[in-house]
Amino acid sequence: ALRKFYEAWMLLPKPQPEYVESGWVLSA
């Protein structure tokens, strides 16, 4: 599961904290 969440993290544009999706991924 962590691998999938980290794959998702790698798709987030920088700076990641600007996107709500980053919060979803980091909380997971």
PDB file of all heavy atoms in Angstrom:
ATOM      1  N   ALA A   1       0.843  -1.198   0.000  1.00  0.00           N
ATOM      2  CA  ALA A   1       0.000   0.000   0.000  1.00  0.00           C
ATOM      3  C   ALA A   1       0.878   1.248   0.000  1.00  0.00           C
ATOM      4  O   ALA A   1       0.631   2.196  -0.763  1.00  0.00           O
ATOM      5  CB  ALA A   1      -0.928  -0.007   1.208  1.00  0.00           C
ATOM      6  N   LEU A   2       1.918   1.241   0.832  1.00  0.00           N
ATOM      7  CA  LEU A   2       2.850   2.375   0.870  1.00  0.00           C
ATOM      8  C   LEU A   2       3.460   2.644  -0.498  1.00  0.00           C
ATOM      9  O   LEU A   2       3.604   3.797  -0.902  1.00  0.00           O
ATOM     10  CB  LEU A   2       3.969   2.107   1.880  1.00  0.00           C
ATOM     11  CG  LEU A   2       3.702   2.520   3.306  1.00  0.00           C
ATOM     12  CD1 LEU A   2       4.761   1.952   4.237  1.00  0.00           C
ATOM     13  CD2 LEU A   2       3.631   4.029   3.433  1.00  0.00           C
ATOM     14  N   ARG A   3       3.813   1.591  -1.197  1.00  0.00           N
ATOM     15  CA  ARG A   3       4.393   1.767  -2.534  1.00  0.00           C
ATOM     16  C   ARG A   3       3.428   2.507  -3.454  1.00  0.00           C
ATOM     17  O   ARG A   3       3.838   3.392  -4.212  1.00  0.00           O
ATOM     18  CB  ARG A   3       4.764   0.418  -3.142  1.00  0.00           C
ATOM     19  CG  ARG A   3       5.984  -0.184  -2.519  1.00  0.00           C
ATOM     20  CD  ARG A   3       6.383  -1.456  -3.210  1.00  0.00           C
ATOM     21  NE  ARG A   3       7.493  -2.088  -2.507  1.00  0.00           N
ATOM     22  CZ  ARG A   3       7.838  -3.329  -2.644  1.00  0.00           C
ATOM     23  NH1 ARG A   3       7.173  -4.112  -3.485  1.00  0.00           N
ATOM     24  NH2 ARG A   3       8.849  -3.824  -1.975  1.00  0.00           N
ATOM     25  N   LYS A   4       2.150   2.126  -3.405  1.00  0.00           N
ATOM     26  CA  LYS A   4       1.149   2.791  -4.257  1.00  0.00           C
ATOM     27  C   LYS A   4       1.003   4.256  -3.863  1.00  0.00           C
ATOM     28  O   LYS A   4       0.918   5.139  -4.719  1.00  0.00           O
ATOM     29  CB  LYS A   4      -0.204   2.080  -4.177  1.00  0.00           C
ATOM     30  CG  LYS A   4      -0.207   0.735  -4.837  1.00  0.00           C
ATOM     31  CD  LYS A   4       0.067   0.856  -6.320  1.00  0.00           C
ATOM     32  CE  LYS A   4       0.168  -0.494  -6.990  1.00  0.00           C
ATOM     33  NZ  LYS A   4       0.501  -0.387  -8.406  1.00  0.00           N
ATOM     34  N   PHE A   5       0.976   4.517  -2.547  1.00  0.00           N
ATOM     35  CA  PHE A   5       0.833   5.902  -2.107  1.00  0.00           C
ATOM     36  C   PHE A   5       2.056   6.733  -2.484  1.00  0.00           C
ATOM     37  O   PHE A   5       1.923   7.893  -2.881  1.00  0.00           O
ATOM     38  CB  PHE A   5       0.556   5.965  -0.604  1.00  0.00           C
ATOM     39  CG  PHE A   5      -0.769   5.365  -0.219  1.00  0.00           C
ATOM     40  CD1 PHE A   5      -0.852   4.430   0.800  1.00  0.00           C
ATOM     41  CD2 PHE A   5      -1.938   5.708  -0.886  1.00  0.00           C
ATOM     42  CE1 PHE A   5      -2.067   3.875   1.168  1.00  0.00           C
ATOM     43  CE2 PHE A   5      -3.162   5.155  -0.540  1.00  0.00           C
ATOM     44  CZ  PHE A   5      -3.226   4.242   0.490  1.00  0.00           C
ATOM     45  N   TYR A   6       3.240   6.131  -2.419  1.00  0.00           N
ATOM     46  CA  TYR A   6       4.439   6.856  -2.842  1.00  0.00           C
ATOM     47  C   TYR A   6       4.458   7.069  -4.362  1.00  0.00           C
ATOM     48  O   TYR A   6       4.944   8.104  -4.839  1.00  0.00           O
ATOM     49  CB  TYR A   6       5.721   6.166  -2.366  1.00  0.00           C
ATOM     50  CG  TYR A   6       6.108   6.563  -0.964  1.00  0.00           C
ATOM     51  CD1 TYR A   6       6.054   5.654   0.083  1.00  0.00           C
ATOM     52  CD2 TYR A   6       6.518   7.865  -0.675  1.00  0.00           C
ATOM     53  CE1 TYR A   6       6.401   6.024   1.377  1.00  0.00           C
ATOM     54  CE2 TYR A   6       6.867   8.242   0.609  1.00  0.00           C
ATOM     55  CZ  TYR A   6       6.802   7.318   1.630  1.00  0.00           C
ATOM     56  OH  TYR A   6       7.144   7.704   2.893  1.00  0.00           O
ATOM     57  N   GLU A   7       3.934   6.132  -5.114  1.00  0.00           N
ATOM     58  CA  GLU A   7       3.797   6.346  -6.568  1.00  0.00           C
ATOM     59  C   GLU A   7       2.896   7.548  -6.825  1.00  0.00           C
ATOM     60  O   GLU A   7       3.187   8.375  -7.701  1.00  0.00           O
ATOM     61  CB  GLU A   7       3.209   5.109  -7.248  1.00  0.00           C
ATOM     62  CG  GLU A   7       4.168   3.965  -7.428  1.00  0.00           C
ATOM     63  CD  GLU A   7       3.495   2.781  -8.118  1.00  0.00           C
ATOM     64  OE1 GLU A   7       2.833   2.983  -9.156  1.00  0.00           O
ATOM     65  OE2 GLU A   7       3.631   1.653  -7.607  1.00  0.00           O
ATOM     66  N   ALA A   8       1.808   7.637  -6.080  1.00  0.00           N
ATOM     67  CA  ALA A   8       0.903   8.785  -6.213  1.00  0.00           C
ATOM     68  C   ALA A   8       1.620  10.074  -5.837  1.00  0.00           C
ATOM     69  O   ALA A   8       1.476  11.100  -6.513  1.00  0.00           O
ATOM     70  CB  ALA A   8      -0.342   8.577  -5.348  1.00  0.00           C
ATOM     71  N   TRP A   9       2.419  10.023  -4.762  1.00  0.00           N
ATOM     72  CA  TRP A   9       3.164  11.204  -4.320  1.00  0.00           C
ATOM     73  C   TRP A   9       4.085  11.721  -5.424  1.00  0.00           C
ATOM     74  O   TRP A   9       4.211  12.928  -5.632  1.00  0.00           O
ATOM     75  CB  TRP A   9       3.976  10.871  -3.066  1.00  0.00           C
ATOM     76  CG  TRP A   9       4.812  12.018  -2.597  1.00  0.00           C
ATOM     77  CD1 TRP A   9       6.154  12.169  -2.759  1.00  0.00           C
ATOM     78  CD2 TRP A   9       4.361  13.188  -1.916  1.00  0.00           C
ATOM     79  NE1 TRP A   9       6.572  13.363  -2.212  1.00  0.00           N
ATOM     80  CE2 TRP A   9       5.481  14.009  -1.689  1.00  0.00           C
ATOM     81  CE3 TRP A   9       3.107  13.626  -1.471  1.00  0.00           C
ATOM     82  CZ2 TRP A   9       5.388  15.234  -1.039  1.00  0.00           C
ATOM     83  CZ3 TRP A   9       3.020  14.842  -0.819  1.00  0.00           C
ATOM     84  CH2 TRP A   9       4.153  15.636  -0.611  1.00  0.00           C
ATOM     85  N   MET A  10       4.716  10.802  -6.137  1.00  0.00           N
ATOM     86  CA  MET A  10       5.657  11.193  -7.195  1.00  0.00           C
ATOM     87  C   MET A  10       4.967  11.904  -8.360  1.00  0.00           C
ATOM     88  O   MET A  10       5.615  12.615  -9.124  1.00  0.00           O
ATOM     89  CB  MET A  10       6.417   9.972  -7.706  1.00  0.00           C
ATOM     90  CG  MET A  10       7.290   9.305  -6.648  1.00  0.00           C
ATOM     91  SD  MET A  10       8.471  10.419  -5.861  1.00  0.00           S
ATOM     92  CE  MET A  10       9.529  10.809  -7.234  1.00  0.00           C
ATOM     93  N   LEU A  11       3.667  11.750  -8.493  1.00  0.00           N
ATOM     94  CA  LEU A  11       2.926  12.405  -9.570  1.00  0.00           C
ATOM     95  C   LEU A  11       2.466  13.820  -9.216  1.00  0.00           C
ATOM     96  O   LEU A  11       1.996  14.552 -10.082  1.00  0.00           O
ATOM     97  CB  LEU A  11       1.696  11.563  -9.944  1.00  0.00           C
ATOM     98  CG  LEU A  11       1.987  10.187 -10.526  1.00  0.00           C
ATOM     99  CD1 LEU A  11       0.676   9.449 -10.766  1.00  0.00           C
ATOM    100  CD2 LEU A  11       2.780  10.300 -11.825  1.00  0.00           C
ATOM    101  N   LEU A  12       2.601  14.181  -7.957  1.00  0.00           N
ATOM    102  CA  LEU A  12       2.144  15.505  -7.533  1.00  0.00           C
ATOM    103  C   LEU A  12       3.098  16.583  -8.015  1.00  0.00           C
ATOM    104  O   LEU A  12       4.315  16.456  -7.874  1.00  0.00           O
ATOM    105  CB  LEU A  12       2.045  15.548  -6.012  1.00  0.00           C
ATOM    106  CG  LEU A  12       0.894  14.738  -5.440  1.00  0.00           C
ATOM    107  CD1 LEU A  12       1.150  14.391  -3.994  1.00  0.00           C
ATOM    108  CD2 LEU A  12      -0.402  15.511  -5.595  1.00  0.00           C
ATOM    109  N   PRO A  13       2.546  17.652  -8.575  1.00  0.00           N
ATOM    110  CA  PRO A  13       3.405  18.757  -9.004  1.00  0.00           C
ATOM    111  C   PRO A  13       4.000  19.479  -7.793  1.00  0.00           C
ATOM    112  O   PRO A  13       3.451  19.442  -6.698  1.00  0.00           O
ATOM    113  CB  PRO A  13       2.461  19.685  -9.766  1.00  0.00           C
ATOM    114  CG  PRO A  13       1.115  19.089  -9.712  1.00  0.00           C
ATOM    115  CD  PRO A  13       1.149  17.868  -8.887  1.00  0.00           C
ATOM    116  N   LYS A  14       5.113  20.120  -8.009  1.00  0.00           N
ATOM    117  CA  LYS A  14       5.766  20.905  -6.957  1.00  0.00           C
ATOM    118  C   LYS A  14       5.266  22.342  -7.032  1.00  0.00           C
ATOM    119  O   LYS A  14       4.989  22.822  -8.114  1.00  0.00           O
ATOM    120  CB  LYS A  14       7.277  20.842  -7.130  1.00  0.00           C
ATOM    121  CG  LYS A  14       7.833  19.476  -6.802  1.00  0.00           C
ATOM    122  CD  LYS A  14       9.337  19.477  -6.955  1.00  0.00           C
ATOM    123  CE  LYS A  14      10.023  18.244  -6.505  1.00  0.00           C
ATOM    124  NZ  LYS A  14       9.673  16.986  -6.970  1.00  0.00           N
ATOM    125  N   PRO A  15       5.128  23.018  -5.943  1.00  0.00           N
ATOM    126  CA  PRO A  15       5.284  22.549  -4.572  1.00  0.00           C
ATOM    127  C   PRO A  15       4.041  21.765  -4.126  1.00  0.00           C
ATOM    128  O   PRO A  15       2.912  22.245  -4.233  1.00  0.00           O
ATOM    129  CB  PRO A  15       5.475  23.823  -3.760  1.00  0.00           C
ATOM    130  CG  PRO A  15       4.788  24.886  -4.548  1.00  0.00           C
ATOM    131  CD  PRO A  15       4.876  24.470  -5.999  1.00  0.00           C
ATOM    132  N   GLN A  16       4.267  20.562  -3.652  1.00  0.00           N
ATOM    133  CA  GLN A  16       3.184  19.641  -3.303  1.00  0.00           C
ATOM    134  C   GLN A  16       2.195  20.206  -2.283  1.00  0.00           C
ATOM    135  O   GLN A  16       0.994  19.967  -2.426  1.00  0.00           O
ATOM    136  CB  GLN A  16       3.737  18.303  -2.799  1.00  0.00           C
ATOM    137  CG  GLN A  16       4.415  17.481  -3.840  1.00  0.00           C
ATOM    138  CD  GLN A  16       5.920  17.673  -3.857  1.00  0.00           C
ATOM    139  OE1 GLN A  16       6.443  18.674  -3.380  1.00  0.00           O
ATOM    140  NE2 GLN A  16       6.635  16.714  -4.424  1.00  0.00           N
ATOM    141  N   PRO A  17       2.625  20.929  -1.255  1.00  0.00           N
ATOM    142  CA  PRO A  17       1.657  21.386  -0.247  1.00  0.00           C
ATOM    143  C   PRO A  17       0.540  22.279  -0.796  1.00  0.00           C
ATOM    144  O   PRO A  17      -0.465  22.475  -0.132  1.00  0.00           O
ATOM    145  CB  PRO A  17       2.520  22.154   0.769  1.00  0.00           C
ATOM    146  CG  PRO A  17       3.868  21.533   0.639  1.00  0.00           C
ATOM    147  CD  PRO A  17       3.997  21.206  -0.832  1.00  0.00           C
ATOM    148  N   GLU A  18       0.699  22.782  -2.005  1.00  0.00           N
ATOM    149  CA  GLU A  18      -0.334  23.632  -2.597  1.00  0.00           C
ATOM    150  C   GLU A  18      -1.547  22.837  -3.069  1.00  0.00           C
ATOM    151  O   GLU A  18      -2.565  23.422  -3.425  1.00  0.00           O
ATOM    152  CB  GLU A  18       0.237  24.429  -3.770  1.00  0.00           C
ATOM    153  CG  GLU A  18       1.210  25.486  -3.345  1.00  0.00           C
ATOM    154  CD  GLU A  18       1.706  26.325  -4.505  1.00  0.00           C
ATOM    155  OE1 GLU A  18       1.229  26.153  -5.653  1.00  0.00           O
ATOM    156  OE2 GLU A  18       2.587  27.169  -4.258  1.00  0.00           O
ATOM    157  N   TYR A  19      -1.468  21.522  -3.067  1.00  0.00           N
ATOM    158  CA  TYR A  19      -2.537  20.678  -3.604  1.00  0.00           C
ATOM    159  C   TYR A  19      -3.160  19.839  -2.495  1.00  0.00           C
ATOM    160  O   TYR A  19      -2.459  19.179  -1.729  1.00  0.00           O
ATOM    161  CB  TYR A  19      -1.993  19.768  -4.715  1.00  0.00           C
ATOM    162  CG  TYR A  19      -1.404  20.568  -5.843  1.00  0.00           C
ATOM    163  CD1 TYR A  19      -0.035  20.822  -5.889  1.00  0.00           C
ATOM    164  CD2 TYR A  19      -2.212  21.100  -6.834  1.00  0.00           C
ATOM    165  CE1 TYR A  19       0.514  21.588  -6.907  1.00  0.00           C
ATOM    166  CE2 TYR A  19      -1.665  21.870  -7.855  1.00  0.00           C
ATOM    167  CZ  TYR A  19      -0.314  22.112  -7.882  1.00  0.00           C
ATOM    168  OH  TYR A  19       0.219  22.877  -8.887  1.00  0.00           O
ATOM    169  N   VAL A  20      -4.478  19.850  -2.440  1.00  0.00           N
ATOM    170  CA  VAL A  20      -5.197  19.077  -1.428  1.00  0.00           C
ATOM    171  C   VAL A  20      -4.893  17.586  -1.560  1.00  0.00           C
ATOM    172  O   VAL A  20      -4.847  16.855  -0.562  1.00  0.00           O
ATOM    173  CB  VAL A  20      -6.712  19.379  -1.488  1.00  0.00           C
ATOM    174  CG1 VAL A  20      -7.343  18.830  -2.746  1.00  0.00           C
ATOM    175  CG2 VAL A  20      -7.412  18.857  -0.251  1.00  0.00           C
ATOM    176  N   GLU A  21      -4.624  17.136  -2.770  1.00  0.00           N
ATOM    177  CA  GLU A  21      -4.284  15.729  -2.998  1.00  0.00           C
ATOM    178  C   GLU A  21      -3.044  15.313  -2.206  1.00  0.00           C
ATOM    179  O   GLU A  21      -2.928  14.170  -1.779  1.00  0.00           O
ATOM    180  CB  GLU A  21      -4.061  15.465  -4.494  1.00  0.00           C
ATOM    181  CG  GLU A  21      -5.299  15.564  -5.337  1.00  0.00           C
ATOM    182  CD  GLU A  21      -5.667  16.989  -5.767  1.00  0.00           C
ATOM    183  OE1 GLU A  21      -4.934  17.934  -5.416  1.00  0.00           O
ATOM    184  OE2 GLU A  21      -6.688  17.154  -6.447  1.00  0.00           O
ATOM    185  N   SER A  22      -2.141  16.257  -1.991  1.00  0.00           N
ATOM    186  CA  SER A  22      -0.939  15.963  -1.203  1.00  0.00           C
ATOM    187  C   SER A  22      -1.304  15.566   0.215  1.00  0.00           C
ATOM    188  O   SER A  22      -0.710  14.652   0.797  1.00  0.00           O
ATOM    189  CB  SER A  22      -0.008  17.171  -1.173  1.00  0.00           C
ATOM    190  OG  SER A  22       0.441  17.476  -2.468  1.00  0.00           O
ATOM    191  N   GLY A  23      -2.276  16.244   0.778  1.00  0.00           N
ATOM    192  CA  GLY A  23      -2.731  15.910   2.117  1.00  0.00           C
ATOM    193  C   GLY A  23      -3.348  14.528   2.176  1.00  0.00           C
ATOM    194  O   GLY A  23      -3.133  13.783   3.143  1.00  0.00           O
ATOM    195  N   TRP A  24      -4.098  14.169   1.133  1.00  0.00           N
ATOM    196  CA  TRP A  24      -4.696  12.828   1.088  1.00  0.00           C
ATOM    197  C   TRP A  24      -3.597  11.772   1.081  1.00  0.00           C
ATOM    198  O   TRP A  24      -3.664  10.798   1.823  1.00  0.00           O
ATOM    199  CB  TRP A  24      -5.530  12.624  -0.160  1.00  0.00           C
ATOM    200  CG  TRP A  24      -6.628  13.586  -0.438  1.00  0.00           C
ATOM    201  CD1 TRP A  24      -7.258  14.439   0.433  1.00  0.00           C
ATOM    202  CD2 TRP A  24      -7.244  13.795  -1.709  1.00  0.00           C
ATOM    203  NE1 TRP A  24      -8.220  15.155  -0.223  1.00  0.00           N
ATOM    204  CE2 TRP A  24      -8.232  14.785  -1.536  1.00  0.00           C
ATOM    205  CE3 TRP A  24      -7.057  13.256  -2.971  1.00  0.00           C
ATOM    206  CZ2 TRP A  24      -9.037  15.224  -2.583  1.00  0.00           C
ATOM    207  CZ3 TRP A  24      -7.852  13.684  -4.014  1.00  0.00           C
ATOM    208  CH2 TRP A  24      -8.834  14.663  -3.817  1.00  0.00           C
ATOM    209  N   VAL A  25      -2.626  11.987   0.201  1.00  0.00           N
ATOM    210  CA  VAL A  25      -1.563  10.993   0.024  1.00  0.00           C
ATOM    211  C   VAL A  25      -0.713  10.884   1.288  1.00  0.00           C
ATOM    212  O   VAL A  25      -0.436   9.779   1.770  1.00  0.00           O
ATOM    213  CB  VAL A  25      -0.694  11.324  -1.207  1.00  0.00           C
ATOM    214  CG1 VAL A  25       0.506  10.413  -1.301  1.00  0.00           C
ATOM    215  CG2 VAL A  25      -1.529  11.250  -2.491  1.00  0.00           C
ATOM    216  N   LEU A  26      -0.316  12.014   1.849  1.00  0.00           N
ATOM    217  CA  LEU A  26       0.517  11.973   3.052  1.00  0.00           C
ATOM    218  C   LEU A  26      -0.229  11.384   4.248  1.00  0.00           C
ATOM    219  O   LEU A  26       0.369  10.685   5.067  1.00  0.00           O
ATOM    220  CB  LEU A  26       1.036  13.371   3.389  1.00  0.00           C
ATOM    221  CG  LEU A  26       2.155  13.874   2.491  1.00  0.00           C
ATOM    222  CD1 LEU A  26       2.438  15.350   2.766  1.00  0.00           C
ATOM    223  CD2 LEU A  26       3.415  13.042   2.666  1.00  0.00           C
ATOM    224  N   SER A  27      -1.524  11.649   4.362  1.00  0.00           N
ATOM    225  CA  SER A  27      -2.265  11.049   5.476  1.00  0.00           C
ATOM    226  C   SER A  27      -2.373   9.541   5.294  1.00  0.00           C
ATOM    227  O   SER A  27      -2.293   8.781   6.274  1.00  0.00           O
ATOM    228  CB  SER A  27      -3.632  11.702   5.657  1.00  0.00           C
ATOM    229  OG  SER A  27      -4.449  11.519   4.536  1.00  0.00           O
ATOM    230  N   ALA A  28      -2.516   9.083   4.054  1.00  0.00           N
ATOM    231  CA  ALA A  28      -2.540   7.637   3.789  1.00  0.00           C
ATOM    232  C   ALA A  28      -1.182   7.007   4.111  1.00  0.00           C
ATOM    233  O   ALA A  28      -1.110   5.930   4.709  1.00  0.00           O
ATOM    234  CB  ALA A  28      -2.919   7.368   2.337  1.00  0.00           C
TER     235      ALA A  28
END
